[in-house]
Amino acid sequence: MAQAAKRTVNKATKRMSGEERKAQIVRVATDLFAKKGFKGTTTREIAGKAGISEAVIFRHFARKEALYDAIIDFHCSDGQGEPVLIALLKEKKGREMFSTLASVLIEEHQKDPSFLRLFTYSAIEKHRLSEMFIRKRALALIEYLETRIRELIKEGVFKQTDPALAARAFMGMVLQYSIAQEIYGLKKYFTRPNEAVVAAFVDIFFEGMRRR
């Protein structure tokens, strides 16, 4: 019976394409890293949960950095490796752009907090993934937000201020809310519809930034 089950797993394993197998490894690795941290997770565990050998992992990801890169791309990029969120924001203007940014981040973290938890572990353990994520994705998003804020200052919508600080202030509101709700568990004690949360954050930001 056990042998039959094993043969079934093996057949299912063989049916996966190379890209499907890579995606599976990334999903399993993300889940384990998010639950146990990087120091508490081995490639043997990842392989065991994925139903494959460690050799298969190394075949797809010869270096650990390649796996970390794939995890970042899986959560933050489209199929061509381009940042999904920035592409989405380019179509929006003014309040709508800020509302879209906040909505996407909050909803994504609610649907799947694993990457948020993974990034938190990475920062606490001083793991290289956090630095890779900051350089590859986080700075690009903040710099894009700075540019959009700078445009609104020039248009006279926002007062004169440091766009870099303003961008971090807005991102700080949104990300701290997600961290508190999803990682610290405050959602057990406090809930509001996402639409109300986003509207409040955007109002607070625009009121503080408004040129008078």
N, C-alpha and C. Protein backbone atom coordinates (compact mmCIF):
# COMPACT_ATOMS: atom_id res chain seq x y z
N MET A 1 0.84 -1.20 0.00
CA MET A 1 0.00 0.00 0.00
C MET A 1 0.88 1.26 0.00
N ALA A 2 1.91 1.26 0.89
CA ALA A 2 2.82 2.41 0.96
C ALA A 2 3.57 2.58 -0.35
N GLN A 3 3.98 1.42 -0.93
CA GLN A 3 4.70 1.47 -2.20
C GLN A 3 3.82 2.03 -3.30
N ALA A 4 2.55 1.64 -3.30
CA ALA A 4 1.61 2.13 -4.31
C ALA A 4 1.44 3.63 -4.19
N ALA A 5 1.33 4.10 -2.93
CA ALA A 5 1.17 5.55 -2.70
C ALA A 5 2.42 6.29 -3.17
N LYS A 6 3.58 5.67 -2.91
CA LYS A 6 4.84 6.29 -3.31
C LYS A 6 4.93 6.41 -4.82
N ARG A 7 4.47 5.30 -5.53
CA ARG A 7 4.49 5.33 -6.99
C ARG A 7 3.58 6.42 -7.53
N THR A 8 2.43 6.61 -6.85
CA THR A 8 1.49 7.64 -7.28
C THR A 8 2.10 9.02 -7.15
N VAL A 9 2.80 9.26 -6.00
CA VAL A 9 3.46 10.55 -5.79
C VAL A 9 4.53 10.77 -6.84
N ASN A 10 5.31 9.71 -7.12
CA ASN A 10 6.38 9.83 -8.10
C ASN A 10 5.85 10.16 -9.49
N LYS A 11 4.71 9.52 -9.85
CA LYS A 11 4.12 9.79 -11.16
C LYS A 11 3.66 11.24 -11.25
N ALA A 12 3.03 11.71 -10.14
CA ALA A 12 2.54 13.08 -10.12
C ALA A 12 3.71 14.06 -10.22
N THR A 13 4.84 13.66 -9.55
CA THR A 13 6.01 14.51 -9.56
C THR A 13 6.57 14.66 -10.97
N LYS A 14 6.61 13.54 -11.70
CA LYS A 14 7.16 13.55 -13.05
C LYS A 14 6.32 14.36 -14.01
N ARG A 15 5.03 14.50 -13.72
CA ARG A 15 4.16 15.23 -14.63
C ARG A 15 4.39 16.73 -14.59
N MET A 16 5.04 17.23 -13.56
CA MET A 16 5.28 18.67 -13.44
C MET A 16 6.35 19.13 -14.42
N SER A 17 6.10 20.29 -15.06
CA SER A 17 7.13 20.89 -15.90
C SER A 17 8.18 21.53 -15.01
N GLY A 18 9.29 21.95 -15.64
CA GLY A 18 10.35 22.58 -14.86
C GLY A 18 9.88 23.83 -14.14
N GLU A 19 9.09 24.67 -14.83
CA GLU A 19 8.59 25.90 -14.22
C GLU A 19 7.61 25.61 -13.09
N GLU A 20 6.78 24.59 -13.29
CA GLU A 20 5.83 24.21 -12.24
C GLU A 20 6.57 23.70 -11.00
N ARG A 21 7.63 22.93 -11.23
CA ARG A 21 8.41 22.41 -10.12
C ARG A 21 9.08 23.56 -9.36
N LYS A 22 9.66 24.51 -10.10
CA LYS A 22 10.30 25.66 -9.45
C LYS A 22 9.29 26.44 -8.60
N ALA A 23 8.10 26.65 -9.17
CA ALA A 23 7.05 27.39 -8.44
C ALA A 23 6.64 26.65 -7.18
N GLN A 24 6.57 25.31 -7.28
CA GLN A 24 6.22 24.51 -6.10
C GLN A 24 7.28 24.65 -5.01
N ILE A 25 8.53 24.56 -5.40
CA ILE A 25 9.63 24.69 -4.43
C ILE A 25 9.59 26.06 -3.75
N VAL A 26 9.33 27.09 -4.54
CA VAL A 26 9.25 28.45 -3.99
C VAL A 26 8.11 28.57 -3.00
N ARG A 27 6.95 28.02 -3.32
CA ARG A 27 5.79 28.08 -2.41
C ARG A 27 6.08 27.34 -1.10
N VAL A 28 6.65 26.15 -1.22
CA VAL A 28 6.96 25.35 -0.03
C VAL A 28 8.03 26.04 0.82
N ALA A 29 9.07 26.54 0.17
CA ALA A 29 10.15 27.22 0.89
C ALA A 29 9.62 28.46 1.61
N THR A 30 8.80 29.24 0.92
CA THR A 30 8.21 30.44 1.54
C THR A 30 7.41 30.07 2.78
N ASP A 31 6.60 29.04 2.67
CA ASP A 31 5.76 28.61 3.79
C ASP A 31 6.60 28.18 4.99
N LEU A 32 7.64 27.38 4.73
CA LEU A 32 8.48 26.89 5.83
C LEU A 32 9.33 28.00 6.44
N PHE A 33 9.92 28.85 5.60
CA PHE A 33 10.71 29.96 6.12
C PHE A 33 9.84 30.89 6.97
N ALA A 34 8.61 31.11 6.51
CA ALA A 34 7.70 32.02 7.23
C ALA A 34 7.28 31.44 8.58
N LYS A 35 7.21 30.11 8.66
CA LYS A 35 6.78 29.47 9.91
C LYS A 35 7.93 29.21 10.87
N LYS A 36 9.11 28.88 10.32
CA LYS A 36 10.21 28.44 11.18
C LYS A 36 11.46 29.32 11.11
N GLY A 37 11.44 30.29 10.22
CA GLY A 37 12.62 31.11 10.05
C GLY A 37 13.65 30.42 9.16
N PHE A 38 14.70 31.13 8.84
CA PHE A 38 15.72 30.58 7.95
C PHE A 38 16.65 29.61 8.69
N LYS A 39 16.94 29.94 9.94
CA LYS A 39 17.83 29.06 10.72
C LYS A 39 17.16 27.75 11.07
N GLY A 40 15.83 27.76 11.13
CA GLY A 40 15.12 26.55 11.53
C GLY A 40 14.62 25.70 10.38
N THR A 41 14.98 26.08 9.15
CA THR A 41 14.50 25.35 7.96
C THR A 41 15.67 24.82 7.15
N THR A 42 15.62 23.55 6.80
CA THR A 42 16.69 22.94 5.99
C THR A 42 16.16 22.60 4.60
N THR A 43 17.08 22.42 3.67
CA THR A 43 16.67 22.01 2.32
C THR A 43 16.04 20.62 2.36
N ARG A 44 16.45 19.80 3.32
CA ARG A 44 15.85 18.48 3.46
C ARG A 44 14.36 18.60 3.80
N GLU A 45 14.04 19.55 4.68
CA GLU A 45 12.63 19.76 5.03
C GLU A 45 11.83 20.26 3.83
N ILE A 46 12.42 21.20 3.10
CA ILE A 46 11.75 21.73 1.91
C ILE A 46 11.48 20.61 0.92
N ALA A 47 12.50 19.79 0.69
CA ALA A 47 12.36 18.67 -0.23
C ALA A 47 11.30 17.69 0.24
N GLY A 48 11.30 17.38 1.54
CA GLY A 48 10.34 16.44 2.09
C GLY A 48 8.91 16.92 1.93
N LYS A 49 8.68 18.21 2.21
CA LYS A 49 7.33 18.75 2.10
C LYS A 49 6.88 18.83 0.64
N ALA A 50 7.84 19.04 -0.25
CA ALA A 50 7.51 19.12 -1.68
C ALA A 50 7.40 17.75 -2.32
N GLY A 51 7.83 16.70 -1.59
CA GLY A 51 7.77 15.35 -2.14
C GLY A 51 8.83 15.08 -3.19
N ILE A 52 9.99 15.73 -3.03
CA ILE A 52 11.09 15.56 -3.98
C ILE A 52 12.39 15.34 -3.21
N SER A 53 13.47 15.13 -3.94
CA SER A 53 14.78 14.97 -3.29
C SER A 53 15.47 16.33 -3.23
N GLU A 54 16.47 16.43 -2.35
CA GLU A 54 17.24 17.67 -2.27
C GLU A 54 17.93 17.96 -3.60
N ALA A 55 18.31 16.91 -4.31
CA ALA A 55 18.99 17.09 -5.59
C ALA A 55 18.13 17.87 -6.58
N VAL A 56 16.81 17.66 -6.52
CA VAL A 56 15.90 18.38 -7.42
C VAL A 56 15.92 19.87 -7.09
N ILE A 57 15.98 20.20 -5.80
CA ILE A 57 16.06 21.62 -5.41
C ILE A 57 17.33 22.24 -5.98
N PHE A 58 18.46 21.55 -5.80
CA PHE A 58 19.74 22.10 -6.27
C PHE A 58 19.81 22.16 -7.79
N ARG A 59 19.04 21.31 -8.46
CA ARG A 59 19.01 21.33 -9.92
C ARG A 59 18.35 22.63 -10.40
N HIS A 60 17.31 23.06 -9.70
CA HIS A 60 16.60 24.28 -10.08
C HIS A 60 17.23 25.53 -9.48
N PHE A 61 17.80 25.39 -8.29
CA PHE A 61 18.41 26.53 -7.60
C PHE A 61 19.79 26.12 -7.11
N ALA A 62 20.78 26.35 -7.96
CA ALA A 62 22.14 25.91 -7.65
C ALA A 62 22.70 26.65 -6.43
N ARG A 63 22.27 27.88 -6.24
CA ARG A 63 22.73 28.68 -5.09
C ARG A 63 21.53 29.12 -4.27
N LYS A 64 21.74 29.33 -2.99
CA LYS A 64 20.64 29.78 -2.12
C LYS A 64 20.10 31.13 -2.59
N GLU A 65 21.00 31.98 -3.07
CA GLU A 65 20.57 33.30 -3.53
C GLU A 65 19.56 33.20 -4.66
N ALA A 66 19.71 32.17 -5.51
CA ALA A 66 18.77 31.98 -6.62
C ALA A 66 17.38 31.65 -6.10
N LEU A 67 17.30 30.86 -5.03
CA LEU A 67 16.01 30.55 -4.41
C LEU A 67 15.41 31.80 -3.77
N TYR A 68 16.23 32.59 -3.09
CA TYR A 68 15.72 33.81 -2.45
C TYR A 68 15.22 34.80 -3.51
N ASP A 69 15.96 34.90 -4.62
CA ASP A 69 15.52 35.75 -5.73
C ASP A 69 14.16 35.31 -6.26
N ALA A 70 14.02 34.00 -6.41
CA ALA A 70 12.77 33.44 -6.94
C ALA A 70 11.60 33.71 -5.99
N ILE A 71 11.86 33.65 -4.69
CA ILE A 71 10.81 33.93 -3.70
C ILE A 71 10.35 35.38 -3.83
N ILE A 72 11.30 36.30 -3.96
CA ILE A 72 10.96 37.72 -4.11
C ILE A 72 10.16 37.94 -5.40
N ASP A 73 10.63 37.37 -6.50
CA ASP A 73 9.93 37.53 -7.79
C ASP A 73 8.54 36.92 -7.75
N PHE A 74 8.41 35.78 -7.09
CA PHE A 74 7.11 35.08 -7.02
C PHE A 74 6.07 35.96 -6.35
N HIS A 75 6.48 36.71 -5.34
CA HIS A 75 5.53 37.52 -4.57
C HIS A 75 5.40 38.95 -5.09
N CYS A 76 6.37 39.42 -5.85
CA CYS A 76 6.37 40.85 -6.20
C CYS A 76 6.40 41.16 -7.68
N SER A 77 6.55 40.16 -8.54
CA SER A 77 6.75 40.44 -9.96
C SER A 77 5.74 39.74 -10.84
N ASP A 78 5.64 40.23 -12.08
CA ASP A 78 4.82 39.53 -13.06
C ASP A 78 5.66 38.43 -13.70
N GLY A 79 5.16 37.80 -14.72
CA GLY A 79 5.87 36.69 -15.34
C GLY A 79 7.20 37.07 -15.97
N GLN A 80 7.36 38.38 -16.27
CA GLN A 80 8.61 38.83 -16.91
C GLN A 80 9.57 39.45 -15.90
N GLY A 81 9.24 39.35 -14.62
CA GLY A 81 10.14 39.88 -13.60
C GLY A 81 9.96 41.36 -13.31
N GLU A 82 8.93 41.99 -13.90
CA GLU A 82 8.68 43.40 -13.66
C GLU A 82 7.81 43.57 -12.41
N PRO A 83 8.04 44.65 -11.64
CA PRO A 83 7.24 44.88 -10.43
C PRO A 83 5.76 45.08 -10.77
N VAL A 84 4.91 44.24 -10.23
CA VAL A 84 3.48 44.30 -10.54
C VAL A 84 2.85 45.58 -10.01
N LEU A 85 3.20 45.95 -8.80
CA LEU A 85 2.54 47.08 -8.16
C LEU A 85 2.84 48.40 -8.86
N ILE A 86 4.08 48.62 -9.23
CA ILE A 86 4.44 49.87 -9.92
C ILE A 86 3.71 49.96 -11.25
N ALA A 87 3.63 48.86 -11.97
CA ALA A 87 2.91 48.85 -13.25
C ALA A 87 1.45 49.24 -13.04
N LEU A 88 0.86 48.77 -11.96
CA LEU A 88 -0.53 49.08 -11.66
C LEU A 88 -0.70 50.56 -11.29
N LEU A 89 0.24 51.12 -10.56
CA LEU A 89 0.14 52.50 -10.10
C LEU A 89 0.31 53.51 -11.23
N LYS A 90 1.01 53.14 -12.27
CA LYS A 90 1.27 54.06 -13.38
C LYS A 90 -0.02 54.51 -14.06
N GLU A 91 -1.07 53.70 -13.94
CA GLU A 91 -2.35 54.03 -14.56
C GLU A 91 -3.21 54.93 -13.69
N LYS A 92 -2.77 55.23 -12.47
CA LYS A 92 -3.59 55.98 -11.51
C LYS A 92 -3.03 57.37 -11.25
N LYS A 93 -3.91 58.27 -10.79
CA LYS A 93 -3.48 59.63 -10.47
C LYS A 93 -4.03 60.06 -9.11
N GLY A 94 -3.33 61.01 -8.48
CA GLY A 94 -3.81 61.62 -7.25
C GLY A 94 -4.20 60.63 -6.16
N ARG A 95 -5.35 60.89 -5.54
CA ARG A 95 -5.82 60.05 -4.45
C ARG A 95 -5.99 58.60 -4.88
N GLU A 96 -6.41 58.40 -6.13
CA GLU A 96 -6.65 57.04 -6.60
C GLU A 96 -5.37 56.22 -6.57
N MET A 97 -4.24 56.86 -6.88
CA MET A 97 -2.96 56.15 -6.87
C MET A 97 -2.61 55.70 -5.45
N PHE A 98 -2.78 56.61 -4.48
CA PHE A 98 -2.48 56.27 -3.09
C PHE A 98 -3.46 55.22 -2.56
N SER A 99 -4.73 55.34 -2.93
CA SER A 99 -5.74 54.36 -2.51
C SER A 99 -5.42 52.98 -3.08
N THR A 100 -5.01 52.94 -4.34
CA THR A 100 -4.66 51.66 -4.97
C THR A 100 -3.47 51.02 -4.28
N LEU A 101 -2.46 51.81 -4.01
CA LEU A 101 -1.26 51.31 -3.33
C LEU A 101 -1.61 50.70 -1.97
N ALA A 102 -2.36 51.45 -1.18
CA ALA A 102 -2.73 50.96 0.16
C ALA A 102 -3.62 49.73 0.06
N SER A 103 -4.59 49.75 -0.84
CA SER A 103 -5.53 48.62 -0.98
C SER A 103 -4.81 47.33 -1.36
N VAL A 104 -3.94 47.43 -2.36
CA VAL A 104 -3.22 46.23 -2.83
C VAL A 104 -2.36 45.66 -1.72
N LEU A 105 -1.61 46.49 -1.03
CA LEU A 105 -0.73 45.99 0.03
C LEU A 105 -1.52 45.35 1.16
N ILE A 106 -2.55 46.01 1.61
CA ILE A 106 -3.35 45.48 2.73
C ILE A 106 -4.04 44.18 2.33
N GLU A 107 -4.64 44.15 1.15
CA GLU A 107 -5.36 42.95 0.70
C GLU A 107 -4.42 41.78 0.47
N GLU A 108 -3.26 42.05 -0.13
CA GLU A 108 -2.29 40.98 -0.38
C GLU A 108 -1.78 40.39 0.92
N HIS A 109 -1.51 41.23 1.89
CA HIS A 109 -1.02 40.74 3.18
C HIS A 109 -2.10 39.97 3.93
N GLN A 110 -3.35 40.34 3.74
CA GLN A 110 -4.44 39.60 4.37
C GLN A 110 -4.61 38.23 3.72
N LYS A 111 -4.57 38.19 2.40
CA LYS A 111 -4.78 36.93 1.68
C LYS A 111 -3.64 35.95 1.93
N ASP A 112 -2.43 36.47 1.98
CA ASP A 112 -1.26 35.61 2.18
C ASP A 112 -0.19 36.37 2.96
N PRO A 113 -0.23 36.27 4.30
CA PRO A 113 0.76 36.99 5.11
C PRO A 113 2.12 36.32 5.16
N SER A 114 2.30 35.23 4.41
CA SER A 114 3.55 34.46 4.52
C SER A 114 4.77 35.29 4.15
N PHE A 115 4.68 36.11 3.09
CA PHE A 115 5.86 36.89 2.71
C PHE A 115 6.15 37.98 3.73
N LEU A 116 5.11 38.57 4.29
CA LEU A 116 5.29 39.58 5.33
C LEU A 116 5.99 38.95 6.54
N ARG A 117 5.55 37.74 6.91
CA ARG A 117 6.14 37.03 8.03
C ARG A 117 7.59 36.62 7.69
N LEU A 118 7.78 36.18 6.45
CA LEU A 118 9.11 35.79 5.98
C LEU A 118 10.08 36.96 6.04
N PHE A 119 9.63 38.12 5.58
CA PHE A 119 10.49 39.30 5.59
C PHE A 119 10.82 39.72 7.02
N THR A 120 9.86 39.57 7.93
CA THR A 120 10.09 39.90 9.34
C THR A 120 11.15 38.98 9.94
N TYR A 121 11.02 37.67 9.68
CA TYR A 121 12.04 36.71 10.14
C TYR A 121 13.41 37.09 9.57
N SER A 122 13.42 37.42 8.29
CA SER A 122 14.67 37.73 7.62
C SER A 122 15.37 38.92 8.26
N ALA A 123 14.59 39.95 8.59
CA ALA A 123 15.17 41.14 9.23
C ALA A 123 15.68 40.82 10.64
N ILE A 124 14.89 40.06 11.40
CA ILE A 124 15.27 39.72 12.79
C ILE A 124 16.54 38.87 12.80
N GLU A 125 16.61 37.90 11.87
CA GLU A 125 17.76 36.99 11.83
C GLU A 125 18.93 37.58 11.04
N LYS A 126 18.76 38.83 10.56
CA LYS A 126 19.79 39.47 9.74
C LYS A 126 20.15 38.59 8.54
N HIS A 127 19.12 38.03 7.95
CA HIS A 127 19.30 37.15 6.79
C HIS A 127 19.41 37.98 5.52
N ARG A 128 20.14 37.47 4.54
CA ARG A 128 20.41 38.24 3.32
C ARG A 128 19.16 38.52 2.49
N LEU A 129 18.08 37.73 2.67
CA LEU A 129 16.89 37.96 1.86
C LEU A 129 16.31 39.35 2.09
N SER A 130 16.35 39.85 3.32
CA SER A 130 15.80 41.17 3.59
C SER A 130 16.56 42.24 2.81
N GLU A 131 17.87 42.13 2.77
CA GLU A 131 18.67 43.09 2.02
C GLU A 131 18.40 42.96 0.52
N MET A 132 18.27 41.72 0.05
CA MET A 132 17.97 41.50 -1.37
C MET A 132 16.62 42.11 -1.74
N PHE A 133 15.62 41.93 -0.88
CA PHE A 133 14.29 42.47 -1.15
C PHE A 133 14.31 44.00 -1.16
N ILE A 134 15.02 44.58 -0.20
CA ILE A 134 15.09 46.05 -0.14
C ILE A 134 15.72 46.60 -1.41
N ARG A 135 16.85 46.00 -1.82
CA ARG A 135 17.54 46.50 -3.01
C ARG A 135 16.76 46.23 -4.29
N LYS A 136 16.11 45.07 -4.35
CA LYS A 136 15.47 44.66 -5.60
C LYS A 136 14.07 45.24 -5.79
N ARG A 137 13.31 45.42 -4.69
CA ARG A 137 11.92 45.82 -4.84
C ARG A 137 11.52 47.01 -3.97
N ALA A 138 11.84 46.99 -2.69
CA ALA A 138 11.33 48.01 -1.77
C ALA A 138 11.79 49.41 -2.14
N LEU A 139 13.08 49.58 -2.44
CA LEU A 139 13.59 50.90 -2.78
C LEU A 139 12.96 51.42 -4.07
N ALA A 140 12.74 50.52 -5.02
CA ALA A 140 12.13 50.94 -6.29
C ALA A 140 10.72 51.48 -6.07
N LEU A 141 9.95 50.83 -5.20
CA LEU A 141 8.59 51.29 -4.92
C LEU A 141 8.61 52.62 -4.18
N ILE A 142 9.47 52.76 -3.19
CA ILE A 142 9.54 54.01 -2.43
C ILE A 142 10.00 55.16 -3.34
N GLU A 143 10.99 54.88 -4.19
CA GLU A 143 11.48 55.92 -5.10
C GLU A 143 10.40 56.32 -6.10
N TYR A 144 9.59 55.34 -6.54
CA TYR A 144 8.49 55.67 -7.45
C TYR A 144 7.48 56.56 -6.73
N LEU A 145 7.17 56.24 -5.48
CA LEU A 145 6.22 57.04 -4.70
C LEU A 145 6.78 58.45 -4.47
N GLU A 146 8.07 58.55 -4.22
CA GLU A 146 8.71 59.86 -4.09
C GLU A 146 8.49 60.71 -5.34
N THR A 147 8.68 60.09 -6.51
CA THR A 147 8.51 60.80 -7.78
C THR A 147 7.09 61.32 -7.93
N ARG A 148 6.11 60.48 -7.58
CA ARG A 148 4.71 60.89 -7.72
C ARG A 148 4.37 62.02 -6.73
N ILE A 149 4.94 61.96 -5.53
CA ILE A 149 4.72 63.02 -4.54
C ILE A 149 5.36 64.33 -5.02
N ARG A 150 6.54 64.21 -5.60
CA ARG A 150 7.24 65.39 -6.12
C ARG A 150 6.39 66.07 -7.20
N GLU A 151 5.74 65.26 -8.03
CA GLU A 151 4.86 65.81 -9.08
C GLU A 151 3.70 66.58 -8.47
N LEU A 152 3.11 66.03 -7.40
CA LEU A 152 1.98 66.69 -6.76
C LEU A 152 2.41 67.98 -6.05
N ILE A 153 3.64 68.03 -5.58
CA ILE A 153 4.18 69.26 -5.00
C ILE A 153 4.30 70.33 -6.08
N LYS A 154 4.84 69.95 -7.24
CA LYS A 154 5.00 70.88 -8.35
C LYS A 154 3.65 71.39 -8.85
N GLU A 155 2.65 70.53 -8.81
CA GLU A 155 1.31 70.92 -9.27
C GLU A 155 0.58 71.79 -8.25
N GLY A 156 1.15 71.94 -7.07
CA GLY A 156 0.53 72.76 -6.05
C GLY A 156 -0.51 72.05 -5.21
N VAL A 157 -0.62 70.73 -5.38
CA VAL A 157 -1.57 69.94 -4.59
C VAL A 157 -1.01 69.72 -3.19
N PHE A 158 0.27 69.39 -3.11
CA PHE A 158 0.94 69.18 -1.84
C PHE A 158 1.83 70.37 -1.51
N LYS A 159 2.04 70.59 -0.22
CA LYS A 159 2.94 71.65 0.22
C LYS A 159 4.39 71.24 0.00
N GLN A 160 5.29 72.20 0.12
CA GLN A 160 6.70 71.91 -0.01
C GLN A 160 7.16 71.08 1.19
N THR A 161 7.73 69.93 0.91
CA THR A 161 8.25 69.06 1.96
C THR A 161 9.23 68.09 1.34
N ASP A 162 9.86 67.27 2.12
CA ASP A 162 10.82 66.28 1.64
C ASP A 162 10.03 65.08 1.08
N PRO A 163 10.04 64.85 -0.24
CA PRO A 163 9.28 63.74 -0.82
C PRO A 163 9.69 62.37 -0.29
N ALA A 164 10.97 62.23 0.03
CA ALA A 164 11.46 60.95 0.55
C ALA A 164 10.83 60.64 1.90
N LEU A 165 10.76 61.64 2.77
CA LEU A 165 10.14 61.44 4.08
C LEU A 165 8.64 61.23 3.95
N ALA A 166 8.01 61.98 3.05
CA ALA A 166 6.56 61.85 2.85
C ALA A 166 6.21 60.45 2.33
N ALA A 167 7.01 59.93 1.40
CA ALA A 167 6.77 58.59 0.87
C ALA A 167 6.88 57.55 1.97
N ARG A 168 7.86 57.69 2.82
CA ARG A 168 8.05 56.73 3.92
C ARG A 168 6.96 56.87 4.98
N ALA A 169 6.43 58.09 5.15
CA ALA A 169 5.34 58.28 6.11
C ALA A 169 4.09 57.53 5.65
N PHE A 170 3.78 57.63 4.36
CA PHE A 170 2.58 56.93 3.86
C PHE A 170 2.77 55.42 3.92
N MET A 171 3.92 54.95 3.44
CA MET A 171 4.19 53.51 3.47
C MET A 171 4.21 53.00 4.91
N GLY A 172 4.70 53.84 5.82
CA GLY A 172 4.75 53.43 7.22
C GLY A 172 3.37 53.17 7.80
N MET A 173 2.41 54.03 7.47
CA MET A 173 1.03 53.83 7.94
C MET A 173 0.49 52.49 7.47
N VAL A 174 0.63 52.26 6.17
CA VAL A 174 0.05 51.07 5.56
C VAL A 174 0.72 49.79 6.06
N LEU A 175 2.05 49.78 6.04
CA LEU A 175 2.77 48.57 6.41
C LEU A 175 2.65 48.26 7.90
N GLN A 176 2.68 49.30 8.73
CA GLN A 176 2.53 49.05 10.16
C GLN A 176 1.15 48.48 10.47
N TYR A 177 0.15 48.96 9.76
CA TYR A 177 -1.20 48.41 9.95
C TYR A 177 -1.22 46.92 9.61
N SER A 178 -0.64 46.57 8.47
CA SER A 178 -0.60 45.16 8.06
C SER A 178 0.19 44.30 9.05
N ILE A 179 1.33 44.79 9.48
CA ILE A 179 2.17 44.04 10.42
C ILE A 179 1.42 43.83 11.74
N ALA A 180 0.78 44.90 12.23
CA ALA A 180 0.05 44.80 13.50
C ALA A 180 -1.11 43.82 13.39
N GLN A 181 -1.84 43.89 12.28
CA GLN A 181 -3.00 43.03 12.10
C GLN A 181 -2.61 41.58 11.85
N GLU A 182 -1.69 41.35 10.91
CA GLU A 182 -1.39 40.00 10.44
C GLU A 182 -0.28 39.29 11.20
N ILE A 183 0.70 40.02 11.68
CA ILE A 183 1.83 39.40 12.37
C ILE A 183 1.64 39.43 13.89
N TYR A 184 1.28 40.59 14.42
CA TYR A 184 1.09 40.71 15.87
C TYR A 184 -0.26 40.14 16.32
N GLY A 185 -1.20 39.99 15.38
CA GLY A 185 -2.49 39.39 15.73
C GLY A 185 -3.53 40.37 16.25
N LEU A 186 -3.35 41.67 15.99
CA LEU A 186 -4.31 42.66 16.49
C LEU A 186 -5.68 42.55 15.82
N LYS A 187 -5.74 41.84 14.69
CA LYS A 187 -7.04 41.73 14.00
C LYS A 187 -8.06 40.96 14.84
N LYS A 188 -7.59 40.24 15.86
CA LYS A 188 -8.53 39.56 16.76
C LYS A 188 -9.29 40.57 17.62
N TYR A 189 -8.72 41.76 17.77
CA TYR A 189 -9.30 42.76 18.67
C TYR A 189 -9.80 44.01 17.94
N PHE A 190 -9.39 44.17 16.69
CA PHE A 190 -9.77 45.38 15.95
C PHE A 190 -9.98 45.05 14.49
N THR A 191 -11.15 45.35 13.97
CA THR A 191 -11.40 45.13 12.54
C THR A 191 -12.17 46.31 11.96
N ARG A 192 -11.83 46.66 10.74
CA ARG A 192 -12.55 47.66 9.97
C ARG A 192 -12.55 47.17 8.51
N PRO A 193 -13.55 47.52 7.74
CA PRO A 193 -13.52 47.18 6.31
C PRO A 193 -12.28 47.80 5.67
N ASN A 194 -11.67 47.09 4.75
CA ASN A 194 -10.47 47.60 4.09
C ASN A 194 -10.71 48.97 3.45
N GLU A 195 -11.90 49.14 2.88
CA GLU A 195 -12.22 50.41 2.22
C GLU A 195 -12.14 51.57 3.21
N ALA A 196 -12.63 51.34 4.43
CA ALA A 196 -12.61 52.39 5.46
C ALA A 196 -11.19 52.69 5.91
N VAL A 197 -10.38 51.63 6.05
CA VAL A 197 -8.99 51.81 6.47
C VAL A 197 -8.23 52.62 5.42
N VAL A 198 -8.37 52.22 4.16
CA VAL A 198 -7.66 52.90 3.07
C VAL A 198 -8.11 54.36 2.97
N ALA A 199 -9.41 54.60 3.02
CA ALA A 199 -9.94 55.97 2.92
C ALA A 199 -9.39 56.84 4.06
N ALA A 200 -9.33 56.28 5.26
CA ALA A 200 -8.82 57.04 6.41
C ALA A 200 -7.34 57.37 6.24
N PHE A 201 -6.55 56.40 5.82
CA PHE A 201 -5.11 56.64 5.64
C PHE A 201 -4.85 57.68 4.57
N VAL A 202 -5.57 57.58 3.46
CA VAL A 202 -5.38 58.54 2.36
C VAL A 202 -5.83 59.93 2.80
N ASP A 203 -6.95 60.02 3.53
CA ASP A 203 -7.41 61.32 4.03
C ASP A 203 -6.39 61.95 4.98
N ILE A 204 -5.88 61.14 5.91
CA ILE A 204 -4.88 61.64 6.87
C ILE A 204 -3.66 62.16 6.12
N PHE A 205 -3.21 61.41 5.14
CA PHE A 205 -2.00 61.80 4.40
C PHE A 205 -2.25 63.05 3.58
N PHE A 206 -3.34 63.08 2.84
CA PHE A 206 -3.61 64.24 1.98
C PHE A 206 -3.90 65.50 2.80
N GLU A 207 -4.57 65.34 3.94
CA GLU A 207 -4.84 66.51 4.79
C GLU A 207 -3.53 67.07 5.35
N GLY A 208 -2.65 66.19 5.74
CA GLY A 208 -1.36 66.64 6.26
C GLY A 208 -0.47 67.24 5.20
N MET A 209 -0.60 66.76 3.96
CA MET A 209 0.25 67.21 2.86
C MET A 209 -0.34 68.37 2.08
N ARG A 210 -1.61 68.69 2.30
CA ARG A 210 -2.31 69.69 1.49
C ARG A 210 -1.65 71.06 1.57
N ARG A 211 -1.52 71.68 0.41
CA ARG A 211 -0.97 73.05 0.37
C ARG A 211 -2.05 74.03 0.82
N ARG A 212 -1.73 74.87 1.77
CA ARG A 212 -2.71 75.81 2.31
C ARG A 212 -2.40 77.24 1.90
